[in-house]
Amino acid sequence: MSRKHHITTTINGETIEFLCEARQSLLEVLRDTLHLTGAKEGCNNGNCGACTVLLDGQPVDSCLVLAVEVQDAKIETVEGIAQCGHLHPVQQCFLEDAALQCGVCTPGFIVAAKALLDRNPNPTEREIRFDLSGNLCRCTAYDKIVRAVQDAAARLAAK
C-alpha cells in the first residue's frame, strides 16, 4: 500500500487540503480527487497543454507536476479565472470570437493566454503565437485563438 502525503495548498483563492500518493500528478488530483475537471488530459506527457494551470503565477502542464510538489503553492485553474459570476475577458473573447471547437484544448489555452496577458498586456501576434506554442489545438482554431487573445488584450487595456 502506498503512503499518502498530506498537502495544503491554495487553489483558486481557497486553501485546500488533500491526500495523494507520491506518484500522482497534479492533474490526477485536480480531476479525480478535487473534481476540478477543467484541465483536460490530452497527452499526459506535456506535449499538448490541455492541462495547463498556473502554479505560483506560471503556466505549467499539470500532468508533469507531482501533486506532492504543490505544498504551500498557489494554483489557478480555468475554474478560478471567472470572478464574481463574470467571465474573464479572455474567456469572453474566446466565446465571442468562436475560438473553440471541440473544447478539449480550450481550458489550457485560456489559462495560458491569461498568463501571457498578465505578463505582457499588449503582445504582438508573433508573441501570442510563440507564447501559446505549447498548447495544441487538433481542430486548428489557431487564428481565432490569436484573435481572441488580441481582443482580450484590448479589453483589458480599456479598463
Protein backbone atom coordinates (compact mmCIF):
# COMPACT_ATOMS: atom_id res chain seq x y z
CA MET A 1 0.00 0.00 0.00
CA SER A 2 1.32 3.42 -0.95
CA ARG A 3 1.91 6.06 1.67
CA LYS A 4 -0.37 9.09 1.35
CA HIS A 5 1.01 12.61 1.68
CA HIS A 6 -0.99 15.41 3.26
CA ILE A 7 -0.80 18.53 1.09
CA THR A 8 -2.08 22.02 1.88
CA THR A 9 -2.20 24.46 -0.99
CA THR A 10 -4.27 27.32 -2.37
CA ILE A 11 -6.43 26.60 -5.39
CA ASN A 12 -8.44 29.39 -6.99
CA GLY A 13 -8.00 31.50 -3.87
CA GLU A 14 -9.19 28.84 -1.43
CA THR A 15 -6.99 26.87 0.98
CA ILE A 16 -7.34 23.20 0.10
CA GLU A 17 -6.05 20.08 1.82
CA PHE A 18 -5.83 16.69 0.15
CA LEU A 19 -4.09 13.35 0.40
CA CYS A 20 -2.10 11.99 -2.52
CA GLU A 21 0.41 9.33 -3.37
CA ALA A 22 3.94 10.38 -4.29
CA ARG A 23 3.42 9.28 -7.90
CA GLN A 24 0.16 11.16 -8.52
CA SER A 25 0.22 14.11 -10.87
CA LEU A 26 -1.39 17.42 -10.06
CA LEU A 27 -3.76 16.77 -12.97
CA GLU A 28 -4.94 13.50 -11.41
CA VAL A 29 -5.57 15.16 -8.06
CA LEU A 30 -7.36 18.14 -9.62
CA ARG A 31 -9.67 15.96 -11.69
CA ASP A 32 -10.13 12.80 -9.62
CA THR A 33 -9.79 14.00 -6.03
CA LEU A 34 -10.87 17.64 -6.12
CA HIS A 35 -13.32 17.29 -9.03
CA LEU A 36 -11.92 20.33 -10.85
CA THR A 37 -12.31 18.91 -14.34
CA GLY A 38 -11.50 22.00 -16.40
CA ALA A 39 -7.90 20.91 -17.02
CA LYS A 40 -8.06 18.12 -19.57
CA GLU A 41 -5.86 15.07 -20.01
CA GLY A 42 -4.78 15.30 -23.62
CA CYS A 43 -1.42 13.60 -23.97
CA ASN A 44 -0.35 13.03 -20.34
CA ASN A 45 3.27 13.74 -21.31
CA GLY A 46 3.47 17.54 -21.51
CA ASN A 47 3.11 17.97 -25.25
CA CYS A 48 -0.40 19.35 -25.73
CA GLY A 49 -1.08 21.93 -22.97
CA ALA A 50 -4.71 20.84 -22.42
CA CYS A 51 -3.96 20.53 -18.69
CA THR A 52 -2.33 23.94 -18.27
CA VAL A 53 -2.79 25.59 -14.87
CA LEU A 54 -1.00 28.48 -13.19
CA LEU A 55 1.40 27.40 -10.47
CA ASP A 56 2.58 30.42 -8.49
CA GLY A 57 1.59 32.54 -11.49
CA GLN A 58 3.46 30.48 -14.09
CA PRO A 59 1.74 28.25 -16.66
CA VAL A 60 2.61 24.58 -16.21
CA ASP A 61 1.39 21.29 -17.63
CA SER A 62 -0.32 19.79 -14.59
CA CYS A 63 0.27 16.29 -15.97
CA LEU A 64 4.02 16.84 -15.40
CA VAL A 65 3.80 18.29 -11.88
CA LEU A 66 3.64 15.88 -8.98
CA ALA A 67 0.88 16.75 -6.55
CA VAL A 68 3.34 16.48 -3.64
CA GLU A 69 5.26 19.40 -5.18
CA VAL A 70 2.41 21.89 -4.66
CA GLN A 71 2.66 22.14 -0.87
CA ASP A 72 2.09 25.82 0.02
CA ALA A 73 1.80 26.76 -3.66
CA LYS A 74 -0.81 28.97 -5.27
CA ILE A 75 -2.67 27.27 -8.12
CA GLU A 76 -5.17 28.80 -10.50
CA THR A 77 -7.25 26.61 -12.78
CA VAL A 78 -9.65 27.59 -15.53
CA GLU A 79 -12.46 27.29 -12.97
CA GLY A 80 -10.92 30.15 -10.99
CA ILE A 81 -10.45 32.62 -13.82
CA ALA A 82 -14.03 33.93 -13.89
CA GLN A 83 -14.67 36.29 -10.98
CA CYS A 84 -17.93 37.12 -9.20
CA GLY A 85 -20.01 35.39 -11.87
CA HIS A 86 -18.38 37.32 -14.72
CA LEU A 87 -16.18 35.75 -17.35
CA HIS A 88 -12.61 36.97 -17.59
CA PRO A 89 -12.06 38.97 -20.82
CA VAL A 90 -10.04 36.06 -22.25
CA GLN A 91 -12.97 33.70 -21.68
CA GLN A 92 -15.47 36.20 -23.08
CA CYS A 93 -13.37 36.83 -26.19
CA PHE A 94 -12.91 33.09 -26.78
CA LEU A 95 -16.71 32.81 -26.85
CA GLU A 96 -17.32 35.89 -28.98
CA ASP A 97 -14.56 35.09 -31.48
CA ALA A 98 -15.54 31.38 -31.70
CA ALA A 99 -12.01 30.44 -30.66
CA LEU A 100 -13.07 26.97 -29.62
CA GLN A 101 -14.30 23.95 -31.45
CA CYS A 102 -14.33 20.60 -29.65
CA GLY A 103 -13.27 22.27 -26.38
CA VAL A 104 -10.58 19.86 -25.20
CA CYS A 105 -7.76 22.36 -25.63
CA THR A 106 -9.78 25.45 -24.68
CA PRO A 107 -9.17 25.49 -20.90
CA GLY A 108 -5.42 25.17 -21.39
CA PHE A 109 -5.38 27.93 -23.99
CA ILE A 110 -7.45 30.22 -21.76
CA VAL A 111 -5.13 29.71 -18.78
CA ALA A 112 -2.01 30.17 -20.92
CA ALA A 113 -3.47 33.29 -22.58
CA LYS A 114 -4.34 34.79 -19.20
CA ALA A 115 -0.78 34.16 -18.02
CA LEU A 116 0.56 35.85 -21.15
CA LEU A 117 -1.65 38.91 -20.71
CA ASP A 118 -0.79 39.13 -17.01
CA ARG A 119 2.87 39.27 -18.00
CA ASN A 120 2.58 41.20 -21.27
CA PRO A 121 -0.62 43.25 -21.59
CA ASN A 122 -0.01 44.21 -25.22
CA PRO A 123 1.55 41.24 -27.05
CA THR A 124 2.13 41.19 -30.77
CA GLU A 125 0.63 38.43 -32.89
CA ARG A 126 4.05 36.81 -33.06
CA GLU A 127 4.42 36.93 -29.26
CA ILE A 128 0.97 35.38 -28.83
CA ARG A 129 1.72 32.57 -31.27
CA PHE A 130 5.11 31.93 -29.65
CA ASP A 131 3.80 32.04 -26.10
CA LEU A 132 0.90 29.70 -26.84
CA SER A 133 3.01 27.29 -28.89
CA GLY A 134 2.99 24.77 -26.02
CA ASN A 135 -0.77 24.38 -26.45
CA LEU A 136 -2.09 22.31 -29.33
CA CYS A 137 -5.49 22.53 -31.00
CA ARG A 138 -6.30 19.49 -33.08
CA CYS A 139 -9.29 21.31 -34.63
CA THR A 140 -6.99 24.08 -35.95
CA ALA A 141 -8.65 27.12 -34.38
CA TYR A 142 -5.31 28.93 -34.09
CA ASP A 143 -6.21 32.10 -35.99
CA LYS A 144 -9.39 32.54 -33.95
CA ILE A 145 -7.46 31.87 -30.73
CA VAL A 146 -4.89 34.54 -31.61
CA ARG A 147 -7.68 36.99 -32.48
CA ALA A 148 -9.43 36.25 -29.16
CA VAL A 149 -6.22 36.95 -27.22
CA GLN A 150 -5.71 40.21 -29.13
CA ASP A 151 -9.30 41.24 -28.40
CA ALA A 152 -8.91 40.33 -24.71
CA ALA A 153 -5.73 42.43 -24.53
CA ALA A 154 -7.63 45.41 -25.98
CA ARG A 155 -10.48 44.92 -23.50
CA LEU A 156 -8.12 44.69 -20.55
CA ALA A 157 -6.27 47.82 -21.71
CA ALA A 158 -9.57 49.72 -21.94
CA LYS A 159 -10.43 49.02 -18.27
